[in-house]
C-alpha atoms as a PDB file:
ATOM      1  CA  MET A   1     241.863  54.619  47.762  1.00  0.00           C
ATOM      2  CA  LYS A   2     240.544  52.216  45.312  1.00  0.00           C
ATOM      3  CA  PRO A   3     238.456  53.655  42.448  1.00  0.00           C
ATOM      4  CA  ILE A   4     235.410  51.529  43.287  1.00  0.00           C
ATOM      5  CA  ILE A   5     235.318  52.757  46.829  1.00  0.00           C
ATOM      6  CA  LEU A   6     235.882  56.322  45.715  1.00  0.00           C
ATOM      7  CA  ARG A   7     232.955  56.032  43.222  1.00  0.00           C
ATOM      8  CA  ALA A   8     230.716  54.535  46.081  1.00  0.00           C
ATOM      9  CA  ALA A   9     231.680  57.430  48.346  1.00  0.00           C
ATOM     10  CA  CYS A  10     230.829  59.892  45.685  1.00  0.00           C
ATOM     11  CA  PHE A  11     227.604  58.247  44.957  1.00  0.00           C
ATOM     12  CA  ILE A  12     226.621  58.186  48.622  1.00  0.00           C
ATOM     13  CA  GLY A  13     227.573  61.842  48.988  1.00  0.00           C
ATOM     14  CA  LEU A  14     225.492  62.871  46.089  1.00  0.00           C
ATOM     15  CA  PHE A  15     222.447  60.752  47.342  1.00  0.00           C
ATOM     16  CA  VAL A  16     222.717  62.429  50.728  1.00  0.00           C
ATOM     17  CA  ALA A  17     223.017  65.847  49.134  1.00  0.00           C
ATOM     18  CA  LEU A  18     219.916  65.148  46.961  1.00  0.00           C
ATOM     19  CA  ILE A  19     217.858  63.924  49.841  1.00  0.00           C
ATOM     20  CA  LEU A  20     218.825  67.043  51.975  1.00  0.00           C
ATOM     21  CA  SER A  21     217.921  69.322  49.145  1.00  0.00           C
ATOM     22  CA  LEU A  22     214.488  67.589  48.657  1.00  0.00           C
ATOM     23  CA  VAL A  23     213.715  67.867  52.359  1.00  0.00           C
ATOM     24  CA  THR A  24     214.855  71.487  52.419  1.00  0.00           C
ATOM     25  CA  ALA A  25     212.715  72.269  49.322  1.00  0.00           C
ATOM     26  CA  TYR A  26     209.716  70.574  50.804  1.00  0.00           C
ATOM     27  CA  PHE A  27     209.776  72.456  54.061  1.00  0.00           C
ATOM     28  CA  MET A  28     210.391  75.798  52.346  1.00  0.00           C
ATOM     29  CA  GLY A  29     207.402  75.159  50.087  1.00  0.00           C
ATOM     30  CA  TYR A  30     205.286  74.042  53.131  1.00  0.00           C
ATOM     31  CA  ARG A  31     206.221  77.116  55.026  1.00  0.00           C
ATOM     32  CA  ASN A  32     205.259  79.377  52.149  1.00  0.00           C
ATOM     33  CA  GLY A  33     201.971  77.557  51.702  1.00  0.00           C
ATOM     34  CA  ALA A  34     201.249  78.029  55.468  1.00  0.00           C
ATOM     35  CA  ASN A  35     202.149  81.790  55.112  1.00  0.00           C
ATOM     36  CA  ASP A  36     199.674  82.117  52.195  1.00  0.00           C
ATOM     37  CA  THR A  37     196.860  80.782  54.271  1.00  0.00           C
ATOM     38  CA  TYR A  38     197.775  82.868  57.226  1.00  0.00           C
ATOM     39  CA  ARG A  39     198.083  85.948  54.885  1.00  0.00           C
ATOM     40  CA  ALA A  40     194.659  85.375  53.417  1.00  0.00           C
ATOM     41  CA  THR A  41     193.093  84.976  56.941  1.00  0.00           C
ATOM     42  CA  VAL A  42     194.688  88.146  58.212  1.00  0.00           C
ATOM     43  CA  SER A  43     193.724  90.169  55.053  1.00  0.00           C
ATOM     44  CA  GLY A  44     190.209  89.063  55.243  1.00  0.00           C
ATOM     45  CA  SER A  45     190.066  90.157  58.937  1.00  0.00           C
ATOM     46  CA  VAL A  46     191.432  93.543  57.985  1.00  0.00           C
ATOM     47  CA  PHE A  47     188.847  94.060  55.400  1.00  0.00           C
ATOM     48  CA  TYR A  48     186.157  93.018  57.538  1.00  0.00           C
ATOM     49  CA  THR A  49     187.127  95.340  60.421  1.00  0.00           C
ATOM     50  CA  ALA A  50     187.726  98.178  58.027  1.00  0.00           C
ATOM     51  CA  ALA A  51     184.269  97.900  56.505  1.00  0.00           C
ATOM     52  CA  MET A  52     182.612  97.685  59.926  1.00  0.00           C
ATOM     53  CA  HIS A  53     184.576 100.726  61.077  1.00  0.00           C
ATOM     54  CA  ALA A  54     183.759 102.709  57.940  1.00  0.00           C
ATOM     55  CA  SER A  55     180.028 101.757  58.395  1.00  0.00           C
ATOM     56  CA  LEU A  56     180.214 102.700  62.042  1.00  0.00           C
ATOM     57  CA  GLU A  57     181.623 106.211  61.211  1.00  0.00           C
ATOM     58  CA  ALA A  58     179.028 106.780  58.509  1.00  0.00           C
ATOM     59  CA  GLY A  59     176.328 105.824  60.994  1.00  0.00           C
ATOM     60  CA  ASN A  60     175.199 103.003  58.621  1.00  0.00           C
ATOM     61  CA  ILE A  61     174.006 100.458  61.139  1.00  0.00           C
ATOM     62  CA  GLU A  62     172.355  98.267  58.492  1.00  0.00           C
ATOM     63  CA  LYS A  63     175.577  97.942  56.571  1.00  0.00           C
ATOM     64  CA  MET A  64     177.435  97.101  59.745  1.00  0.00           C
ATOM     65  CA  LYS A  65     174.906  94.491  60.683  1.00  0.00           C
ATOM     66  CA  SER A  66     175.153  92.971  57.151  1.00  0.00           C
ATOM     67  CA  THR A  67     178.985  92.856  57.353  1.00  0.00           C
ATOM     68  CA  LEU A  68     178.827  91.277  60.915  1.00  0.00           C
ATOM     69  CA  GLU A  69     176.396  88.722  59.654  1.00  0.00           C
ATOM     70  CA  VAL A  70     178.681  87.771  56.702  1.00  0.00           C
ATOM     71  CA  ALA A  71     181.598  87.424  59.176  1.00  0.00           C
ATOM     72  CA  MET A  72     179.671  85.440  61.670  1.00  0.00           C
ATOM     73  CA  LEU A  73     178.409  83.048  58.962  1.00  0.00           C
ATOM     74  CA  THR A  74     181.840  82.644  57.597  1.00  0.00           C
ATOM     75  CA  TYR A  75     183.618  82.032  60.882  1.00  0.00           C
ATOM     76  CA  THR A  76     180.825  79.736  62.278  1.00  0.00           C
ATOM     77  CA  ARG A  77     180.637  77.559  59.151  1.00  0.00           C
ATOM     78  CA  LYS A  78     184.436  77.310  58.957  1.00  0.00           C
ATOM     79  CA  TYR A  79     184.565  76.226  62.646  1.00  0.00           C
ATOM     80  CA  GLN A  80     181.897  73.588  61.966  1.00  0.00           C
ATOM     81  CA  GLN A  81     183.839  72.301  58.955  1.00  0.00           C
ATOM     82  CA  LEU A  82     187.205  72.160  60.658  1.00  0.00           C
ATOM     83  CA  PHE A  83     186.153  70.955  64.077  1.00  0.00           C
ATOM     84  CA  PRO A  84     182.923  68.883  63.546  1.00  0.00           C
ATOM     85  CA  ALA A  85     183.171  66.993  66.914  1.00  0.00           C
ATOM     86  CA  GLU A  86     183.807  70.141  68.924  1.00  0.00           C
ATOM     87  CA  ALA A  87     180.988  72.017  67.136  1.00  0.00           C
ATOM     88  CA  ALA A  88     178.571  69.130  67.753  1.00  0.00           C
ATOM     89  CA  ALA A  89     179.409  68.833  71.410  1.00  0.00           C
ATOM     90  CA  SER A  90     179.609  72.670  72.030  1.00  0.00           C
ATOM     91  CA  ARG A  91     177.436  73.804  74.970  1.00  0.00           C
ATOM     92  CA  SER A  92     178.418  77.518  74.717  1.00  0.00           C
ATOM     93  CA  ALA A  93     175.484  79.946  74.727  1.00  0.00           C
ATOM     94  CA  LEU A  94     177.446  82.166  72.152  1.00  0.00           C
ATOM     95  CA  TYR A  95     178.156  79.205  69.808  1.00  0.00           C
ATOM     96  CA  LYS A  96     174.419  78.214  69.897  1.00  0.00           C
ATOM     97  CA  TYR A  97     173.379  81.845  69.164  1.00  0.00           C
ATOM     98  CA  ALA A  98     175.861  82.016  66.355  1.00  0.00           C
ATOM     99  CA  SER A  99     174.527  78.738  64.791  1.00  0.00           C
ATOM    100  CA  LYS A 100     170.948  79.730  65.057  1.00  0.00           C
ATOM    101  CA  GLN A 101     171.646  83.081  63.567  1.00  0.00           C
ATOM    102  CA  CYS A 102     173.663  81.629  60.691  1.00  0.00           C
ATOM    103  CA  ASP A 103     170.701  79.310  59.921  1.00  0.00           C
ATOM    104  CA  GLU A 104     168.436  82.461  59.673  1.00  0.00           C
ATOM    105  CA  ILE A 105     171.076  84.313  57.620  1.00  0.00           C
ATOM    106  CA  GLU A 106     171.462  81.462  55.103  1.00  0.00           C
ATOM    107  CA  SER A 107     167.622  81.249  54.795  1.00  0.00           C
ATOM    108  CA  ARG A 108     167.822  84.800  53.498  1.00  0.00           C
ATOM    109  CA  LEU A 109     170.480  84.308  51.051  1.00  0.00           C
ATOM    110  CA  VAL A 110     169.631  84.177  47.411  1.00  0.00           C
ATOM    111  CA  PRO A 111     170.881  80.872  45.738  1.00  0.00           C
ATOM    112  CA  LEU A 112     173.256  81.407  42.862  1.00  0.00           C
ATOM    113  CA  SER A 113     171.234  79.109  40.682  1.00  0.00           C
ATOM    114  CA  SER A 114     168.402  81.604  40.824  1.00  0.00           C
ATOM    115  CA  ILE A 115     170.638  84.204  39.195  1.00  0.00           C
ATOM    116  CA  THR A 116     172.315  81.984  36.566  1.00  0.00           C
ATOM    117  CA  ASN A 117     168.932  80.375  35.608  1.00  0.00           C
ATOM    118  CA  ASP A 118     167.721  83.812  34.339  1.00  0.00           C
ATOM    119  CA  PHE A 119     170.356  83.685  31.587  1.00  0.00           C
ATOM    120  CA  PRO A 120     169.910  80.202  29.966  1.00  0.00           C
ATOM    121  CA  ASP A 121     172.347  80.966  27.056  1.00  0.00           C
ATOM    122  CA  ALA A 122     174.973  82.491  29.300  1.00  0.00           C
ATOM    123  CA  LYS A 123     178.023  80.467  30.029  1.00  0.00           C
ATOM    124  CA  VAL A 124     178.616  81.158  33.728  1.00  0.00           C
ATOM    125  CA  THR A 125     181.724  79.754  35.446  1.00  0.00           C
ATOM    126  CA  ILE A 126     182.064  79.982  39.232  1.00  0.00           C
ATOM    127  CA  GLY A 127     185.493  79.197  40.627  1.00  0.00           C
ATOM    128  CA  THR A 128     189.003  80.582  41.279  1.00  0.00           C
ATOM    129  CA  ARG A 129     190.795  82.868  38.852  1.00  0.00           C
ATOM    130  CA  PRO A 130     193.457  81.032  36.894  1.00  0.00           C
ATOM    131  CA  GLY A 131     196.599  80.637  38.836  1.00  0.00           C
ATOM    132  CA  LYS A 132     194.864  81.266  42.126  1.00  0.00           C
ATOM    133  CA  GLU A 133     194.295  77.638  43.290  1.00  0.00           C
END
């Protein structure tokens, strides 16, 4: 073979290998990111159910109600955020009940600004921990 054809074949081979490695790396990273989201969802569900079960065993109905309210608020607002058209068009009696209850729960929540305003010289940062974005 001529050296110029050999160089072109090597270049094309390296280019194809580079593209394949980039595609593989992308999909591996995408899959890991999807697993992290799934892991966070499942672990949150485990903690909610464990807290409710512990409250039930202890006979602490108020704590169980509070835990269920937080779960209902979280899931309902997340549903409204992810599927706004479906949420707006929902005619389900349970969805309407959940939305109404969430409005009442939110009206009882204490705004974070009311807590941080009590300490004018304090430097309060709300956000994720470093490296947990």
